Amino acid sequence: MPRIPALAHWINTILTTAMPTLSPWTARRLTDWLVSILLMQSITTRVVAWGCALGVSPAAHAASHERRLRRT
């Protein structure tokens, strides 16, 4: 599991470098979304939300991640 934060940091760095006008909050949300897709190997909203809850921020609930992904 220690490689997941490094992967998230790497993706976040790429996003902020490629799109410097991106807000930090949006960059973090996109980073969580991309890492979850890579971890869960799926793009369904529910599975990605579980990936966010389990892989990126363990204290958060999958339902709140699912709502955030739908808004995104």
C-alpha atoms as a PDB file:
ATOM      1  CA  MET A   1       0.000   0.000   0.000  1.00  0.00           C
ATOM      2  CA  PRO A   2       2.881   2.527   0.365  1.00  0.00           C
ATOM      3  CA  ARG A   3       3.047   2.864  -3.424  1.00  0.00           C
ATOM      4  CA  ILE A   4      -0.497   4.237  -3.677  1.00  0.00           C
ATOM      5  CA  PRO A   5       0.325   7.634  -2.083  1.00  0.00           C
ATOM      6  CA  ALA A   6       3.376   7.877  -4.350  1.00  0.00           C
ATOM      7  CA  LEU A   7       1.200   7.120  -7.378  1.00  0.00           C
ATOM      8  CA  ALA A   8      -1.365   9.701  -6.267  1.00  0.00           C
ATOM      9  CA  HIS A   9       1.372  12.301  -5.792  1.00  0.00           C
ATOM     10  CA  TRP A  10       2.826  11.535  -9.231  1.00  0.00           C
ATOM     11  CA  ILE A  11      -0.572  11.849 -10.937  1.00  0.00           C
ATOM     12  CA  ASN A  12      -1.316  15.071  -9.047  1.00  0.00           C
ATOM     13  CA  THR A  13       2.034  16.510 -10.137  1.00  0.00           C
ATOM     14  CA  ILE A  14       1.331  15.664 -13.769  1.00  0.00           C
ATOM     15  CA  LEU A  15      -2.141  17.227 -13.592  1.00  0.00           C
ATOM     16  CA  THR A  16      -0.961  20.447 -11.984  1.00  0.00           C
ATOM     17  CA  THR A  17       1.957  20.726 -14.407  1.00  0.00           C
ATOM     18  CA  ALA A  18      -0.173  20.092 -17.479  1.00  0.00           C
ATOM     19  CA  MET A  19      -3.007  22.348 -16.320  1.00  0.00           C
ATOM     20  CA  PRO A  20      -1.602  25.129 -14.104  1.00  0.00           C
ATOM     21  CA  THR A  21      -4.966  26.924 -13.875  1.00  0.00           C
ATOM     22  CA  LEU A  22      -6.573  23.890 -12.229  1.00  0.00           C
ATOM     23  CA  SER A  23      -7.605  24.548  -8.642  1.00  0.00           C
ATOM     24  CA  PRO A  24      -5.955  22.359  -5.991  1.00  0.00           C
ATOM     25  CA  TRP A  25      -9.351  20.958  -4.983  1.00  0.00           C
ATOM     26  CA  THR A  26     -10.188  19.922  -8.563  1.00  0.00           C
ATOM     27  CA  ALA A  27      -6.715  18.475  -9.075  1.00  0.00           C
ATOM     28  CA  ARG A  28      -7.110  16.385  -5.916  1.00  0.00           C
ATOM     29  CA  ARG A  29     -10.552  15.152  -6.985  1.00  0.00           C
ATOM     30  CA  LEU A  30      -9.242  14.172 -10.436  1.00  0.00           C
ATOM     31  CA  THR A  31      -6.248  12.486  -8.854  1.00  0.00           C
ATOM     32  CA  ASP A  32      -8.481  10.418  -6.556  1.00  0.00           C
ATOM     33  CA  TRP A  33     -10.666   9.485  -9.498  1.00  0.00           C
ATOM     34  CA  LEU A  34      -7.745   8.390 -11.700  1.00  0.00           C
ATOM     35  CA  VAL A  35      -6.048   6.402  -8.936  1.00  0.00           C
ATOM     36  CA  SER A  36      -9.324   4.639  -8.178  1.00  0.00           C
ATOM     37  CA  ILE A  37      -9.822   3.680 -11.808  1.00  0.00           C
ATOM     38  CA  LEU A  38      -6.295   2.273 -11.899  1.00  0.00           C
ATOM     39  CA  LEU A  39      -6.776   0.344  -8.658  1.00  0.00           C
ATOM     40  CA  MET A  40     -10.266  -0.987  -9.302  1.00  0.00           C
ATOM     41  CA  GLN A  41      -9.839  -1.495 -13.080  1.00  0.00           C
ATOM     42  CA  SER A  42     -13.343  -0.239 -13.716  1.00  0.00           C
ATOM     43  CA  ILE A  43     -15.070   2.998 -14.591  1.00  0.00           C
ATOM     44  CA  THR A  44     -18.477   2.368 -13.043  1.00  0.00           C
ATOM     45  CA  THR A  45     -19.270   5.071 -10.521  1.00  0.00           C
ATOM     46  CA  ARG A  46     -19.939   2.722  -7.620  1.00  0.00           C
ATOM     47  CA  VAL A  47     -16.718   0.739  -8.076  1.00  0.00           C
ATOM     48  CA  VAL A  48     -14.623   3.881  -8.482  1.00  0.00           C
ATOM     49  CA  ALA A  49     -16.236   5.346  -5.355  1.00  0.00           C
ATOM     50  CA  TRP A  50     -15.282   2.241  -3.387  1.00  0.00           C
ATOM     51  CA  GLY A  51     -11.757   2.583  -4.758  1.00  0.00           C
ATOM     52  CA  CYS A  52     -11.619   6.175  -3.525  1.00  0.00           C
ATOM     53  CA  ALA A  53     -12.888   5.173  -0.106  1.00  0.00           C
ATOM     54  CA  LEU A  54     -10.585   2.172   0.250  1.00  0.00           C
ATOM     55  CA  GLY A  55      -7.442   3.202  -1.572  1.00  0.00           C
ATOM     56  CA  VAL A  56      -7.028   6.924  -1.304  1.00  0.00           C
ATOM     57  CA  SER A  57      -8.815   8.224   1.763  1.00  0.00           C
ATOM     58  CA  PRO A  58      -9.799   5.388   4.108  1.00  0.00           C
ATOM     59  CA  ALA A  59     -11.742   7.617   6.514  1.00  0.00           C
ATOM     60  CA  ALA A  60     -14.257   8.709   3.864  1.00  0.00           C
ATOM     61  CA  HIS A  61     -17.396   6.851   2.900  1.00  0.00           C
ATOM     62  CA  ALA A  62     -17.946   5.389  -0.552  1.00  0.00           C
ATOM     63  CA  ALA A  63     -21.389   7.003  -0.836  1.00  0.00           C
ATOM     64  CA  SER A  64     -19.960  10.513  -0.479  1.00  0.00           C
ATOM     65  CA  HIS A  65     -17.275   9.704  -3.051  1.00  0.00           C
ATOM     66  CA  GLU A  66     -19.956   8.429  -5.398  1.00  0.00           C
ATOM     67  CA  ARG A  67     -21.872  11.726  -5.094  1.00  0.00           C
ATOM     68  CA  ARG A  68     -18.679  13.703  -5.728  1.00  0.00           C
ATOM     69  CA  LEU A  69     -17.897  11.626  -8.796  1.00  0.00           C
ATOM     70  CA  ARG A  70     -21.384  12.166 -10.159  1.00  0.00           C
ATOM     71  CA  ARG A  71     -20.979  15.923  -9.710  1.00  0.00           C
ATOM     72  CA  THR A  72     -17.598  15.778 -11.440  1.00  0.00           C
END
